Amino acid sequence: MIKRSVQQMEGTPIEGDGIQGVTMKLLVGKEDHAPTFAMRHFLVEAGGFTPKHQHPWEHEVLILSGEGEVESDGQVTTISSGDGLYIPSNELHQFKNTSTKPLEFLCIVPVESDCGEPVPGS
């Protein structure tokens, strides 16, 4: 078993075009010999956002705290603490923090999606 505390981990800033105020913590990944899934924690600062992007894998997201919006396949949906999301593969999506407090979420993806490397915004 592997146990890691999000509060005790240092985050990796995610940088690039179309990204603002995003940090990632890899809770479980390829290097842990996880055979199927990886779990990542994202923190999006007030006014921050992930890039608008798509990829060939699905992912599941659990909003832990904060409020914001997710744009997925052209539709904008309000998100807040406790919301669970399913983003299908190849669907263009982006997370935005629309509040004055941090937006935190867990993102589960296939371990083979190279999630051991910081992937821009889930």
PDB file of N, CA and C in Angstrom:
ATOM      1  N   MET A   1       0.843  -1.176   0.000  1.00  0.00           N
ATOM      2  CA  MET A   1       0.000   0.000   0.000  1.00  0.00           C
ATOM      3  C   MET A   1       0.892   1.243   0.000  1.00  0.00           C
ATOM      4  N   ILE A   2       0.398   2.282  -0.631  1.00  0.00           N
ATOM      5  CA  ILE A   2       1.078   3.570  -0.652  1.00  0.00           C
ATOM      6  C   ILE A   2       0.130   4.590  -0.046  1.00  0.00           C
ATOM      7  N   LYS A   3       0.660   5.409   0.857  1.00  0.00           N
ATOM      8  CA  LYS A   3      -0.141   6.475   1.462  1.00  0.00           C
ATOM      9  C   LYS A   3       0.647   7.768   1.337  1.00  0.00           C
ATOM     10  N   ARG A   4      -0.009   8.779   0.787  1.00  0.00           N
ATOM     11  CA  ARG A   4       0.605  10.096   0.663  1.00  0.00           C
ATOM     12  C   ARG A   4      -0.402  11.149   1.123  1.00  0.00           C
ATOM     13  N   SER A   5       0.087  12.180   1.757  1.00  0.00           N
ATOM     14  CA  SER A   5      -0.757  13.274   2.224  1.00  0.00           C
ATOM     15  C   SER A   5      -0.617  14.463   1.275  1.00  0.00           C
ATOM     16  N   VAL A   6      -1.724  14.895   0.709  1.00  0.00           N
ATOM     17  CA  VAL A   6      -1.719  16.057  -0.174  1.00  0.00           C
ATOM     18  C   VAL A   6      -1.160  17.265   0.570  1.00  0.00           C
ATOM     19  N   GLN A   7      -1.501  17.391   1.851  1.00  0.00           N
ATOM     20  CA  GLN A   7      -1.047  18.539   2.636  1.00  0.00           C
ATOM     21  C   GLN A   7       0.469  18.547   2.819  1.00  0.00           C
ATOM     22  N   GLN A   8       1.119  17.390   2.753  1.00  0.00           N
ATOM     23  CA  GLN A   8       2.556  17.313   2.993  1.00  0.00           C
ATOM     24  C   GLN A   8       3.379  17.250   1.701  1.00  0.00           C
ATOM     25  N   MET A   9       2.727  17.155   0.574  1.00  0.00           N
ATOM     26  CA  MET A   9       3.434  17.081  -0.707  1.00  0.00           C
ATOM     27  C   MET A   9       3.663  18.474  -1.283  1.00  0.00           C
ATOM     28  N   GLU A  10       4.777  18.627  -1.978  1.00  0.00           N
ATOM     29  CA  GLU A  10       5.029  19.871  -2.690  1.00  0.00           C
ATOM     30  C   GLU A  10       4.465  19.744  -4.100  1.00  0.00           C
ATOM     31  N   GLY A  11       3.774  20.762  -4.542  1.00  0.00           N
ATOM     32  CA  GLY A  11       3.178  20.736  -5.869  1.00  0.00           C
ATOM     33  C   GLY A  11       4.152  21.168  -6.946  1.00  0.00           C
ATOM     34  N   THR A  12       3.881  20.715  -8.158  1.00  0.00           N
ATOM     35  CA  THR A  12       4.655  21.101  -9.322  1.00  0.00           C
ATOM     36  C   THR A  12       3.850  22.121 -10.116  1.00  0.00           C
ATOM     37  N   PRO A  13       4.368  23.340 -10.274  1.00  0.00           N
ATOM     38  CA  PRO A  13       3.630  24.317 -11.092  1.00  0.00           C
ATOM     39  C   PRO A  13       3.534  23.828 -12.538  1.00  0.00           C
ATOM     40  N   ILE A  14       2.356  23.967 -13.118  1.00  0.00           N
ATOM     41  CA  ILE A  14       2.136  23.590 -14.505  1.00  0.00           C
ATOM     42  C   ILE A  14       2.180  24.884 -15.311  1.00  0.00           C
ATOM     43  N   GLU A  15       3.099  24.946 -16.264  1.00  0.00           N
ATOM     44  CA  GLU A  15       3.285  26.168 -17.020  1.00  0.00           C
ATOM     45  C   GLU A  15       3.118  25.906 -18.508  1.00  0.00           C
ATOM     46  N   GLY A  16       2.774  26.932 -19.231  1.00  0.00           N
ATOM     47  CA  GLY A  16       2.627  26.827 -20.676  1.00  0.00           C
ATOM     48  C   GLY A  16       1.584  27.806 -21.165  1.00  0.00           C
ATOM     49  N   ASP A  17       1.395  27.813 -22.465  1.00  0.00           N
ATOM     50  CA  ASP A  17       0.399  28.695 -23.062  1.00  0.00           C
ATOM     51  C   ASP A  17      -0.995  28.322 -22.583  1.00  0.00           C
ATOM     52  N   GLY A  18      -1.784  29.302 -22.245  1.00  0.00           N
ATOM     53  CA  GLY A  18      -3.172  29.061 -21.852  1.00  0.00           C
ATOM     54  C   GLY A  18      -3.325  28.473 -20.476  1.00  0.00           C
ATOM     55  N   ILE A  19      -2.294  28.594 -19.614  1.00  0.00           N
ATOM     56  CA  ILE A  19      -2.352  28.064 -18.248  1.00  0.00           C
ATOM     57  C   ILE A  19      -2.026  29.203 -17.296  1.00  0.00           C
ATOM     58  N   GLN A  20      -2.799  29.279 -16.216  1.00  0.00           N
ATOM     59  CA  GLN A  20      -2.506  30.297 -15.212  1.00  0.00           C
ATOM     60  C   GLN A  20      -2.824  29.767 -13.825  1.00  0.00           C
ATOM     61  N   GLY A  21      -1.845  29.799 -12.919  1.00  0.00           N
ATOM     62  CA  GLY A  21      -2.067  29.485 -11.515  1.00  0.00           C
ATOM     63  C   GLY A  21      -2.442  28.052 -11.218  1.00  0.00           C
ATOM     64  N   VAL A  22      -1.819  27.074 -11.891  1.00  0.00           N
ATOM     65  CA  VAL A  22      -2.152  25.658 -11.709  1.00  0.00           C
ATOM     66  C   VAL A  22      -0.951  24.906 -11.127  1.00  0.00           C
ATOM     67  N   THR A  23      -1.220  24.109 -10.097  1.00  0.00           N
ATOM     68  CA  THR A  23      -0.208  23.264  -9.467  1.00  0.00           C
ATOM     69  C   THR A  23      -0.736  21.834  -9.409  1.00  0.00           C
ATOM     70  N   MET A  24       0.147  20.858  -9.645  1.00  0.00           N
ATOM     71  CA  MET A  24      -0.241  19.445  -9.614  1.00  0.00           C
ATOM     72  C   MET A  24       0.597  18.667  -8.609  1.00  0.00           C
ATOM     73  N   LYS A  25      -0.047  17.711  -7.947  1.00  0.00           N
ATOM     74  CA  LYS A  25       0.631  16.754  -7.076  1.00  0.00           C
ATOM     75  C   LYS A  25       0.253  15.360  -7.556  1.00  0.00           C
ATOM     76  N   LEU A  26       1.245  14.549  -7.878  1.00  0.00           N
ATOM     77  CA  LEU A  26       0.989  13.185  -8.334  1.00  0.00           C
ATOM     78  C   LEU A  26       0.928  12.275  -7.114  1.00  0.00           C
ATOM     79  N   LEU A  27      -0.282  11.822  -6.777  1.00  0.00           N
ATOM     80  CA  LEU A  27      -0.484  10.967  -5.605  1.00  0.00           C
ATOM     81  C   LEU A  27      -0.116   9.515  -5.893  1.00  0.00           C
ATOM     82  N   VAL A  28      -0.494   9.026  -7.056  1.00  0.00           N
ATOM     83  CA  VAL A  28      -0.166   7.668  -7.480  1.00  0.00           C
ATOM     84  C   VAL A  28       0.075   7.696  -8.976  1.00  0.00           C
ATOM     85  N   GLY A  29       1.180   7.081  -9.421  1.00  0.00           N
ATOM     86  CA  GLY A  29       1.483   7.100 -10.838  1.00  0.00           C
ATOM     87  C   GLY A  29       2.291   5.910 -11.285  1.00  0.00           C
ATOM     88  N   LYS A  30       2.852   6.046 -12.467  1.00  0.00           N
ATOM     89  CA  LYS A  30       3.628   4.985 -13.113  1.00  0.00           C
ATOM     90  C   LYS A  30       4.784   4.500 -12.249  1.00  0.00           C
ATOM     91  N   GLU A  31       5.495   5.444 -11.637  1.00  0.00           N
ATOM     92  CA  GLU A  31       6.650   5.073 -10.816  1.00  0.00           C
ATOM     93  C   GLU A  31       6.275   4.262  -9.583  1.00  0.00           C
ATOM     94  N   ASP A  32       4.996   4.279  -9.213  1.00  0.00           N
ATOM     95  CA  ASP A  32       4.513   3.485  -8.081  1.00  0.00           C
ATOM     96  C   ASP A  32       4.090   2.084  -8.521  1.00  0.00           C
ATOM     97  N   HIS A  33       4.260   1.785  -9.805  1.00  0.00           N
ATOM     98  CA  HIS A  33       3.870   0.502 -10.401  1.00  0.00           C
ATOM     99  C   HIS A  33       2.358   0.280 -10.352  1.00  0.00           C
ATOM    100  N   ALA A  34       1.600   1.382 -10.379  1.00  0.00           N
ATOM    101  CA  ALA A  34       0.143   1.269 -10.472  1.00  0.00           C
ATOM    102  C   ALA A  34      -0.178   0.714 -11.860  1.00  0.00           C
ATOM    103  N   PRO A  35      -0.892  -0.390 -11.955  1.00  0.00           N
ATOM    104  CA  PRO A  35      -1.096  -1.035 -13.247  1.00  0.00           C
ATOM    105  C   PRO A  35      -2.146  -0.379 -14.149  1.00  0.00           C
ATOM    106  N   THR A  36      -3.088   0.361 -13.570  1.00  0.00           N
ATOM    107  CA  THR A  36      -4.210   0.822 -14.372  1.00  0.00           C
ATOM    108  C   THR A  36      -4.452   2.328 -14.298  1.00  0.00           C
ATOM    109  N   PHE A  37      -4.510   2.880 -13.096  1.00  0.00           N
ATOM    110  CA  PHE A  37      -4.901   4.276 -12.929  1.00  0.00           C
ATOM    111  C   PHE A  37      -3.831   5.089 -12.221  1.00  0.00           C
ATOM    112  N   ALA A  38      -3.852   6.389 -12.491  1.00  0.00           N
ATOM    113  CA  ALA A  38      -3.035   7.360 -11.773  1.00  0.00           C
ATOM    114  C   ALA A  38      -3.989   8.373 -11.139  1.00  0.00           C
ATOM    115  N   MET A  39      -3.584   8.877  -9.982  1.00  0.00           N
ATOM    116  CA  MET A  39      -4.397   9.862  -9.280  1.00  0.00           C
ATOM    117  C   MET A  39      -3.576  11.129  -9.083  1.00  0.00           C
ATOM    118  N   ARG A  40      -4.157  12.247  -9.533  1.00  0.00           N
ATOM    119  CA  ARG A  40      -3.472  13.530  -9.453  1.00  0.00           C
ATOM    120  C   ARG A  40      -4.343  14.544  -8.715  1.00  0.00           C
ATOM    121  N   HIS A  41      -3.702  15.408  -7.972  1.00  0.00           N
ATOM    122  CA  HIS A  41      -4.382  16.488  -7.259  1.00  0.00           C
ATOM    123  C   HIS A  41      -4.003  17.792  -7.941  1.00  0.00           C
ATOM    124  N   PHE A  42      -4.997  18.587  -8.299  1.00  0.00           N
ATOM    125  CA  PHE A  42      -4.753  19.888  -8.913  1.00  0.00           C
ATOM    126  C   PHE A  42      -5.268  20.993  -8.011  1.00  0.00           C
ATOM    127  N   LEU A  43      -4.521  22.088  -7.977  1.00  0.00           N
ATOM    128  CA  LEU A  43      -4.948  23.303  -7.302  1.00  0.00           C
ATOM    129  C   LEU A  43      -4.882  24.424  -8.341  1.00  0.00           C
ATOM    130  N   VAL A  44      -6.020  25.088  -8.501  1.00  0.00           N
ATOM    131  CA  VAL A  44      -6.107  26.213  -9.436  1.00  0.00           C
ATOM    132  C   VAL A  44      -6.375  27.455  -8.591  1.00  0.00           C
ATOM    133  N   GLU A  45      -5.438  28.381  -8.622  1.00  0.00           N
ATOM    134  CA  GLU A  45      -5.550  29.599  -7.823  1.00  0.00           C
ATOM    135  C   GLU A  45      -6.719  30.457  -8.304  1.00  0.00           C
ATOM    136  N   ALA A  46      -7.151  31.380  -7.445  1.00  0.00           N
ATOM    137  CA  ALA A  46      -8.226  32.312  -7.805  1.00  0.00           C
ATOM    138  C   ALA A  46      -7.912  32.975  -9.136  1.00  0.00           C
ATOM    139  N   GLY A  47      -8.857  32.922 -10.052  1.00  0.00           N
ATOM    140  CA  GLY A  47      -8.673  33.501 -11.384  1.00  0.00           C
ATOM    141  C   GLY A  47      -7.850  32.650 -12.336  1.00  0.00           C
ATOM    142  N   GLY A  48      -7.377  31.492 -11.865  1.00  0.00           N
ATOM    143  CA  GLY A  48      -6.532  30.629 -12.694  1.00  0.00           C
ATOM    144  C   GLY A  48      -7.338  29.706 -13.589  1.00  0.00           C
ATOM    145  N   PHE A  49      -6.611  29.031 -14.498  1.00  0.00           N
ATOM    146  CA  PHE A  49      -7.277  28.113 -15.425  1.00  0.00           C
ATOM    147  C   PHE A  49      -6.270  27.131 -16.025  1.00  0.00           C
ATOM    148  N   THR A  50      -6.791  25.974 -16.381  1.00  0.00           N
ATOM    149  CA  THR A  50      -6.012  24.974 -17.109  1.00  0.00           C
ATOM    150  C   THR A  50      -6.112  25.312 -18.593  1.00  0.00           C
ATOM    151  N   PRO A  51      -5.255  24.718 -19.430  1.00  0.00           N
ATOM    152  CA  PRO A  51      -5.376  25.006 -20.862  1.00  0.00           C
ATOM    153  C   PRO A  51      -6.621  24.345 -21.439  1.00  0.00           C
ATOM    154  N   LYS A  52      -7.138  24.920 -22.499  1.00  0.00           N
ATOM    155  CA  LYS A  52      -8.210  24.259 -23.245  1.00  0.00           C
ATOM    156  C   LYS A  52      -7.512  23.195 -24.077  1.00  0.00           C
ATOM    157  N   HIS A  53      -7.813  21.921 -23.811  1.00  0.00           N
ATOM    158  CA  HIS A  53      -7.072  20.844 -24.460  1.00  0.00           C
ATOM    159  C   HIS A  53      -7.933  19.584 -24.552  1.00  0.00           C
ATOM    160  N   GLN A  54      -7.409  18.608 -25.271  1.00  0.00           N
ATOM    161  CA  GLN A  54      -8.062  17.303 -25.378  1.00  0.00           C
ATOM    162  C   GLN A  54      -6.987  16.242 -25.493  1.00  0.00           C
ATOM    163  N   HIS A  55      -7.362  15.016 -25.188  1.00  0.00           N
ATOM    164  CA  HIS A  55      -6.423  13.895 -25.243  1.00  0.00           C
ATOM    165  C   HIS A  55      -7.198  12.604 -25.443  1.00  0.00           C
ATOM    166  N   PRO A  56      -6.520  11.534 -25.845  1.00  0.00           N
ATOM    167  CA  PRO A  56      -7.218  10.293 -26.204  1.00  0.00           C
ATOM    168  C   PRO A  56      -7.634   9.417 -25.015  1.00  0.00           C
ATOM    169  N   TRP A  57      -7.649   9.956 -23.808  1.00  0.00           N
ATOM    170  CA  TRP A  57      -8.102   9.154 -22.669  1.00  0.00           C
ATOM    171  C   TRP A  57      -9.197   9.892 -21.916  1.00  0.00           C
ATOM    172  N   GLU A  58     -10.071   9.129 -21.326  1.00  0.00           N
ATOM    173  CA  GLU A  58     -11.105   9.674 -20.446  1.00  0.00           C
ATOM    174  C   GLU A  58     -10.469  10.027 -19.114  1.00  0.00           C
ATOM    175  N   HIS A  59     -11.179  10.800 -18.328  1.00  0.00           N
ATOM    176  CA  HIS A  59     -10.797  10.951 -16.943  1.00  0.00           C
ATOM    177  C   HIS A  59     -11.993  11.312 -16.079  1.00  0.00           C
ATOM    178  N   GLU A  60     -11.836  10.943 -14.820  1.00  0.00           N
ATOM    179  CA  GLU A  60     -12.842  11.223 -13.821  1.00  0.00           C
ATOM    180  C   GLU A  60     -12.267  12.257 -12.860  1.00  0.00           C
ATOM    181  N   VAL A  61     -13.117  13.182 -12.435  1.00  0.00           N
ATOM    182  CA  VAL A  61     -12.674  14.293 -11.603  1.00  0.00           C
ATOM    183  C   VAL A  61     -13.615  14.423 -10.415  1.00  0.00           C
ATOM    184  N   LEU A  62     -13.041  14.672  -9.232  1.00  0.00           N
ATOM    185  CA  LEU A  62     -13.826  14.967  -8.040  1.00  0.00           C
ATOM    186  C   LEU A  62     -13.391  16.336  -7.539  1.00  0.00           C
ATOM    187  N   ILE A  63     -14.346  17.270  -7.472  1.00  0.00           N
ATOM    188  CA  ILE A  63     -14.053  18.607  -6.970  1.00  0.00           C
ATOM    189  C   ILE A  63     -14.013  18.522  -5.444  1.00  0.00           C
ATOM    190  N   LEU A  64     -12.853  18.863  -4.868  1.00  0.00           N
ATOM    191  CA  LEU A  64     -12.666  18.772  -3.419  1.00  0.00           C
ATOM    192  C   LEU A  64     -13.073  20.052  -2.707  1.00  0.00           C
ATOM    193  N   SER A  65     -12.732  21.194  -3.293  1.00  0.00           N
ATOM    194  CA  SER A  65     -13.078  22.475  -2.667  1.00  0.00           C
ATOM    195  C   SER A  65     -13.052  23.579  -3.718  1.00  0.00           C
ATOM    196  N   GLY A  66     -13.745  24.645  -3.397  1.00  0.00           N
ATOM    197  CA  GLY A  66     -13.778  25.786  -4.286  1.00  0.00           C
ATOM    198  C   GLY A  66     -14.927  25.742  -5.267  1.00  0.00           C
ATOM    199  N   GLU A  67     -14.904  26.711  -6.153  1.00  0.00           N
ATOM    200  CA  GLU A  67     -15.944  26.841  -7.172  1.00  0.00           C
ATOM    201  C   GLU A  67     -15.303  27.254  -8.483  1.00  0.00           C
ATOM    202  N   GLY A  68     -15.961  26.914  -9.561  1.00  0.00           N
ATOM    203  CA  GLY A  68     -15.437  27.295 -10.858  1.00  0.00           C
ATOM    204  C   GLY A  68     -16.357  26.870 -11.972  1.00  0.00           C
ATOM    205  N   GLU A  69     -15.745  26.737 -13.134  1.00  0.00           N
ATOM    206  CA  GLU A  69     -16.458  26.295 -14.330  1.00  0.00           C
ATOM    207  C   GLU A  69     -15.602  25.283 -15.054  1.00  0.00           C
ATOM    208  N   VAL A  70     -16.263  24.353 -15.698  1.00  0.00           N
ATOM    209  CA  VAL A  70     -15.571  23.470 -16.629  1.00  0.00           C
ATOM    210  C   VAL A  70     -16.265  23.636 -17.980  1.00  0.00           C
ATOM    211  N   GLU A  71     -15.464  23.879 -18.996  1.00  0.00           N
ATOM    212  CA  GLU A  71     -15.983  23.905 -20.353  1.00  0.00           C
ATOM    213  C   GLU A  71     -15.625  22.566 -20.966  1.00  0.00           C
ATOM    214  N   SER A  72     -16.611  21.877 -21.461  1.00  0.00           N
ATOM    215  CA  SER A  72     -16.388  20.567 -22.056  1.00  0.00           C
ATOM    216  C   SER A  72     -17.247  20.443 -23.298  1.00  0.00           C
ATOM    217  N   ASP A  73     -16.586  20.218 -24.425  1.00  0.00           N
ATOM    218  CA  ASP A  73     -17.270  20.084 -25.711  1.00  0.00           C
ATOM    219  C   ASP A  73     -18.156  21.292 -26.004  1.00  0.00           C
ATOM    220  N   GLY A  74     -17.655  22.489 -25.628  1.00  0.00           N
ATOM    221  CA  GLY A  74     -18.360  23.724 -25.919  1.00  0.00           C
ATOM    222  C   GLY A  74     -19.417  24.131 -24.911  1.00  0.00           C
ATOM    223  N   GLN A  75     -19.697  23.284 -23.919  1.00  0.00           N
ATOM    224  CA  GLN A  75     -20.712  23.592 -22.915  1.00  0.00           C
ATOM    225  C   GLN A  75     -20.024  23.978 -21.604  1.00  0.00           C
ATOM    226  N   VAL A  76     -20.421  25.109 -21.023  1.00  0.00           N
ATOM    227  CA  VAL A  76     -19.857  25.576 -19.760  1.00  0.00           C
ATOM    228  C   VAL A  76     -20.783  25.175 -18.623  1.00  0.00           C
ATOM    229  N   THR A  77     -20.202  24.523 -17.601  1.00  0.00           N
ATOM    230  CA  THR A  77     -20.955  24.037 -16.453  1.00  0.00           C
ATOM    231  C   THR A  77     -20.302  24.534 -15.169  1.00  0.00           C
ATOM    232  N   THR A  78     -21.110  25.036 -14.245  1.00  0.00           N
ATOM    233  CA  THR A  78     -20.615  25.464 -12.938  1.00  0.00           C
ATOM    234  C   THR A  78     -20.250  24.230 -12.125  1.00  0.00           C
ATOM    235  N   ILE A  79     -19.111  24.301 -11.404  1.00  0.00           N
ATOM    236  CA  ILE A  79     -18.668  23.192 -10.560  1.00  0.00           C
ATOM    237  C   ILE A  79     -18.361  23.716  -9.162  1.00  0.00           C
ATOM    238  N   SER A  80     -18.549  22.825  -8.160  1.00  0.00           N
ATOM    239  CA  SER A  80     -18.232  23.186  -6.779  1.00  0.00           C
ATOM    240  C   SER A  80     -17.952  21.921  -5.984  1.00  0.00           C
ATOM    241  N   SER A  81     -17.514  22.121  -4.771  1.00  0.00           N
ATOM    242  CA  SER A  81     -17.124  21.033  -3.875  1.00  0.00           C
ATOM    243  C   SER A  81     -18.147  19.897  -3.870  1.00  0.00           C
ATOM    244  N   GLY A  82     -17.647  18.679  -4.053  1.00  0.00           N
ATOM    245  CA  GLY A  82     -18.499  17.497  -4.034  1.00  0.00           C
ATOM    246  C   GLY A  82     -18.953  17.020  -5.399  1.00  0.00           C
ATOM    247  N   ASP A  83     -18.738  17.812  -6.443  1.00  0.00           N
ATOM    248  CA  ASP A  83     -19.157  17.407  -7.786  1.00  0.00           C
ATOM    249  C   ASP A  83     -18.202  16.362  -8.360  1.00  0.00           C
ATOM    250  N   GLY A  84     -18.762  15.321  -8.961  1.00  0.00           N
ATOM    251  CA  GLY A  84     -17.995  14.316  -9.686  1.00  0.00           C
ATOM    252  C   GLY A  84     -18.229  14.494 -11.175  1.00  0.00           C
ATOM    253  N   LEU A  85     -17.155  14.423 -11.965  1.00  0.00           N
ATOM    254  CA  LEU A  85     -17.255  14.659 -13.403  1.00  0.00           C
ATOM    255  C   LEU A  85     -16.649  13.505 -14.184  1.00  0.00           C
ATOM    256  N   TYR A  86     -17.217  13.239 -15.335  1.00  0.00           N
ATOM    257  CA  TYR A  86     -16.637  12.301 -16.297  1.00  0.00           C
ATOM    258  C   TYR A  86     -16.390  13.084 -17.578  1.00  0.00           C
ATOM    259  N   ILE A  87     -15.135  13.128 -18.015  1.00  0.00           N
ATOM    260  CA  ILE A  87     -14.776  13.802 -19.267  1.00  0.00           C
ATOM    261  C   ILE A  87     -14.373  12.704 -20.257  1.00  0.00           C
ATOM    262  N   PRO A  88     -15.161  12.491 -21.315  1.00  0.00           N
ATOM    263  CA  PRO A  88     -14.838  11.442 -22.287  1.00  0.00           C
ATOM    264  C   PRO A  88     -13.537  11.722 -23.037  1.00  0.00           C
ATOM    265  N   SER A  89     -12.961  10.701 -23.603  1.00  0.00           N
ATOM    266  CA  SER A  89     -11.747  10.849 -24.402  1.00  0.00           C
ATOM    267  C   SER A  89     -12.017  11.780 -25.583  1.00  0.00           C
ATOM    268  N   ASN A  90     -10.987  12.524 -25.957  1.00  0.00           N
ATOM    269  CA  ASN A  90     -10.994  13.441 -27.099  1.00  0.00           C
ATOM    270  C   ASN A  90     -11.971  14.606 -26.991  1.00  0.00           C
ATOM    271  N   GLU A  91     -12.534  14.844 -25.810  1.00  0.00           N
ATOM    272  CA  GLU A  91     -13.442  15.974 -25.641  1.00  0.00           C
ATOM    273  C   GLU A  91     -12.635  17.201 -25.194  1.00  0.00           C
ATOM    274  N   LEU A  92     -12.753  18.287 -25.943  1.00  0.00           N
ATOM    275  CA  LEU A  92     -12.055  19.526 -25.628  1.00  0.00           C
ATOM    276  C   LEU A  92     -12.599  20.071 -24.313  1.00  0.00           C
ATOM    277  N   HIS A  93     -11.681  20.374 -23.353  1.00  0.00           N
ATOM    278  CA  HIS A  93     -12.131  20.803 -22.031  1.00  0.00           C
ATOM    279  C   HIS A  93     -11.141  21.752 -21.372  1.00  0.00           C
ATOM    280  N   GLN A  94     -11.651  22.490 -20.366  1.00  0.00           N
ATOM    281  CA  GLN A  94     -10.843  23.444 -19.613  1.00  0.00           C
ATOM    282  C   GLN A  94     -11.519  23.700 -18.263  1.00  0.00           C
ATOM    283  N   PHE A  95     -10.689  23.806 -17.214  1.00  0.00           N
ATOM    284  CA  PHE A  95     -11.168  24.144 -15.877  1.00  0.00           C
ATOM    285  C   PHE A  95     -10.782  25.588 -15.565  1.00  0.00           C
ATOM    286  N   LYS A  96     -11.723  26.349 -14.970  1.00  0.00           N
ATOM    287  CA  LYS A  96     -11.462  27.737 -14.576  1.00  0.00           C
ATOM    288  C   LYS A  96     -11.935  27.941 -13.140  1.00  0.00           C
ATOM    289  N   ASN A  97     -11.123  28.649 -12.373  1.00  0.00           N
ATOM    290  CA  ASN A  97     -11.524  29.038 -11.029  1.00  0.00           C
ATOM    291  C   ASN A  97     -12.175  30.406 -11.129  1.00  0.00           C
ATOM    292  N   THR A  98     -13.454  30.480 -10.779  1.00  0.00           N
ATOM    293  CA  THR A  98     -14.197  31.737 -10.873  1.00  0.00           C
ATOM    294  C   THR A  98     -14.405  32.381  -9.503  1.00  0.00           C
ATOM    295  N   SER A  99     -13.767  31.825  -8.468  1.00  0.00           N
ATOM    296  CA  SER A  99     -13.967  32.339  -7.114  1.00  0.00           C
ATOM    297  C   SER A  99     -12.692  32.999  -6.585  1.00  0.00           C
ATOM    298  N   THR A 100     -12.758  33.457  -5.355  1.00  0.00           N
ATOM    299  CA  THR A 100     -11.605  34.098  -4.719  1.00  0.00           C
ATOM    300  C   THR A 100     -10.809  33.109  -3.868  1.00  0.00           C
ATOM    301  N   LYS A 101     -11.256  31.866  -3.807  1.00  0.00           N
ATOM    302  CA  LYS A 101     -10.561  30.822  -3.052  1.00  0.00           C
ATOM    303  C   LYS A 101     -10.019  29.785  -4.032  1.00  0.00           C
ATOM    304  N   PRO A 102      -9.026  28.987  -3.620  1.00  0.00           N
ATOM    305  CA  PRO A 102      -8.484  27.958  -4.520  1.00  0.00           C
ATOM    306  C   PRO A 102      -9.537  26.928  -4.928  1.00  0.00           C
ATOM    307  N   LEU A 103      -9.416  26.441  -6.146  1.00  0.00           N
ATOM    308  CA  LEU A 103     -10.228  25.327  -6.654  1.00  0.00           C
ATOM    309  C   LEU A 103      -9.330  24.102  -6.618  1.00  0.00           C
ATOM    310  N   GLU A 104      -9.744  23.060  -5.891  1.00  0.00           N
ATOM    311  CA  GLU A 104      -8.952  21.837  -5.785  1.00  0.00           C
ATOM    312  C   GLU A 104      -9.762  20.660  -6.306  1.00  0.00           C
ATOM    313  N   PHE A 105      -9.088  19.794  -7.074  1.00  0.00           N
ATOM    314  CA  PHE A 105      -9.779  18.596  -7.548  1.00  0.00           C
ATOM    315  C   PHE A 105      -8.810  17.440  -7.722  1.00  0.00           C
ATOM    316  N   LEU A 106      -9.366  16.233  -7.616  1.00  0.00           N
ATOM    317  CA  LEU A 106      -8.640  15.012  -7.937  1.00  0.00           C
ATOM    318  C   LEU A 106      -8.992  14.624  -9.353  1.00  0.00           C
ATOM    319  N   CYS A 107      -8.019  14.102 -10.069  1.00  0.00           N
ATOM    320  CA  CYS A 107      -8.229  13.669 -11.440  1.00  0.00           C
ATOM    321  C   CYS A 107      -7.651  12.261 -11.581  1.00  0.00           C
ATOM    322  N   ILE A 108      -8.472  11.330 -12.026  1.00  0.00           N
ATOM    323  CA  ILE A 108      -8.058   9.940 -12.231  1.00  0.00           C
ATOM    324  C   ILE A 108      -7.959   9.699 -13.735  1.00  0.00           C
ATOM    325  N   VAL A 109      -6.790   9.223 -14.171  1.00  0.00           N
ATOM    326  CA  VAL A 109      -6.552   8.955 -15.588  1.00  0.00           C
ATOM    327  C   VAL A 109      -5.853   7.607 -15.742  1.00  0.00           C
ATOM    328  N   PRO A 110      -5.832   7.050 -16.944  1.00  0.00           N
ATOM    329  CA  PRO A 110      -5.055   5.824 -17.155  1.00  0.00           C
ATOM    330  C   PRO A 110      -3.576   6.087 -16.872  1.00  0.00           C
ATOM    331  N   VAL A 111      -2.950   5.172 -16.188  1.00  0.00           N
ATOM    332  CA  VAL A 111      -1.536   5.344 -15.839  1.00  0.00           C
ATOM    333  C   VAL A 111      -0.672   5.445 -17.092  1.00  0.00           C
ATOM    334  N   GLU A 112      -1.096   4.870 -18.177  1.00  0.00           N
ATOM    335  CA  GLU A 112      -0.335   4.902 -19.421  1.00  0.00           C
ATOM    336  C   GLU A 112      -0.470   6.221 -20.181  1.00  0.00           C
ATOM    337  N   SER A 113      -1.176   7.187 -19.612  1.00  0.00           N
ATOM    338  CA  SER A 113      -1.345   8.479 -20.281  1.00  0.00           C
ATOM    339  C   SER A 113      -0.179   9.412 -19.999  1.00  0.00           C
ATOM    340  N   ASP A 114       0.971   8.817 -19.580  1.00  0.00           N
ATOM    341  CA  ASP A 114       2.177   9.591 -19.254  1.00  0.00           C
ATOM    342  C   ASP A 114       1.935  10.563 -18.128  1.00  0.00           C
ATOM    343  N   CYS A 115       1.064  10.187 -17.185  1.00  0.00           N
ATOM    344  CA  CYS A 115       0.738  11.101 -16.109  1.00  0.00           C
ATOM    345  C   CYS A 115       1.832  11.179 -15.061  1.00  0.00           C
ATOM    346  N   GLY A 116       2.891  10.428 -15.207  1.00  0.00           N
ATOM    347  CA  GLY A 116       4.029  10.603 -14.325  1.00  0.00           C
ATOM    348  C   GLY A 116       4.681  11.944 -14.587  1.00  0.00           C
ATOM    349  N   GLU A 117       4.475  12.481 -15.778  1.00  0.00           N
ATOM    350  CA  GLU A 117       4.968  13.804 -16.127  1.00  0.00           C
ATOM    351  C   GLU A 117       3.824  14.782 -15.854  1.00  0.00           C
ATOM    352  N   PRO A 118       4.143  16.008 -15.467  1.00  0.00           N
ATOM    353  CA  PRO A 118       3.078  16.979 -15.289  1.00  0.00           C
ATOM    354  C   PRO A 118       2.334  17.214 -16.606  1.00  0.00           C
ATOM    355  N   VAL A 119       1.098  16.806 -16.649  1.00  0.00           N
ATOM    356  CA  VAL A 119       0.276  16.982 -17.836  1.00  0.00           C
ATOM    357  C   VAL A 119      -0.489  18.280 -17.668  1.00  0.00           C
ATOM    358  N   PRO A 120      -0.494  19.154 -18.659  1.00  0.00           N
ATOM    359  CA  PRO A 120      -1.193  20.433 -18.506  1.00  0.00           C
ATOM    360  C   PRO A 120      -2.650  20.258 -18.149  1.00  0.00           C
ATOM    361  N   GLY A 121      -2.975  20.488 -16.915  1.00  0.00           N
ATOM    362  CA  GLY A 121      -4.330  20.638 -16.445  1.00  0.00           C
ATOM    363  C   GLY A 121      -5.289  19.499 -16.622  1.00  0.00           C
ATOM    364  N   SER A 122      -4.872  18.305 -16.475  1.00  0.00           N
ATOM    365  CA  SER A 122      -5.713  17.097 -16.482  1.00  0.00           C
ATOM    366  C   SER A 122      -6.184  16.764 -17.858  1.00  0.00           C
TER     367      SER A 122
END
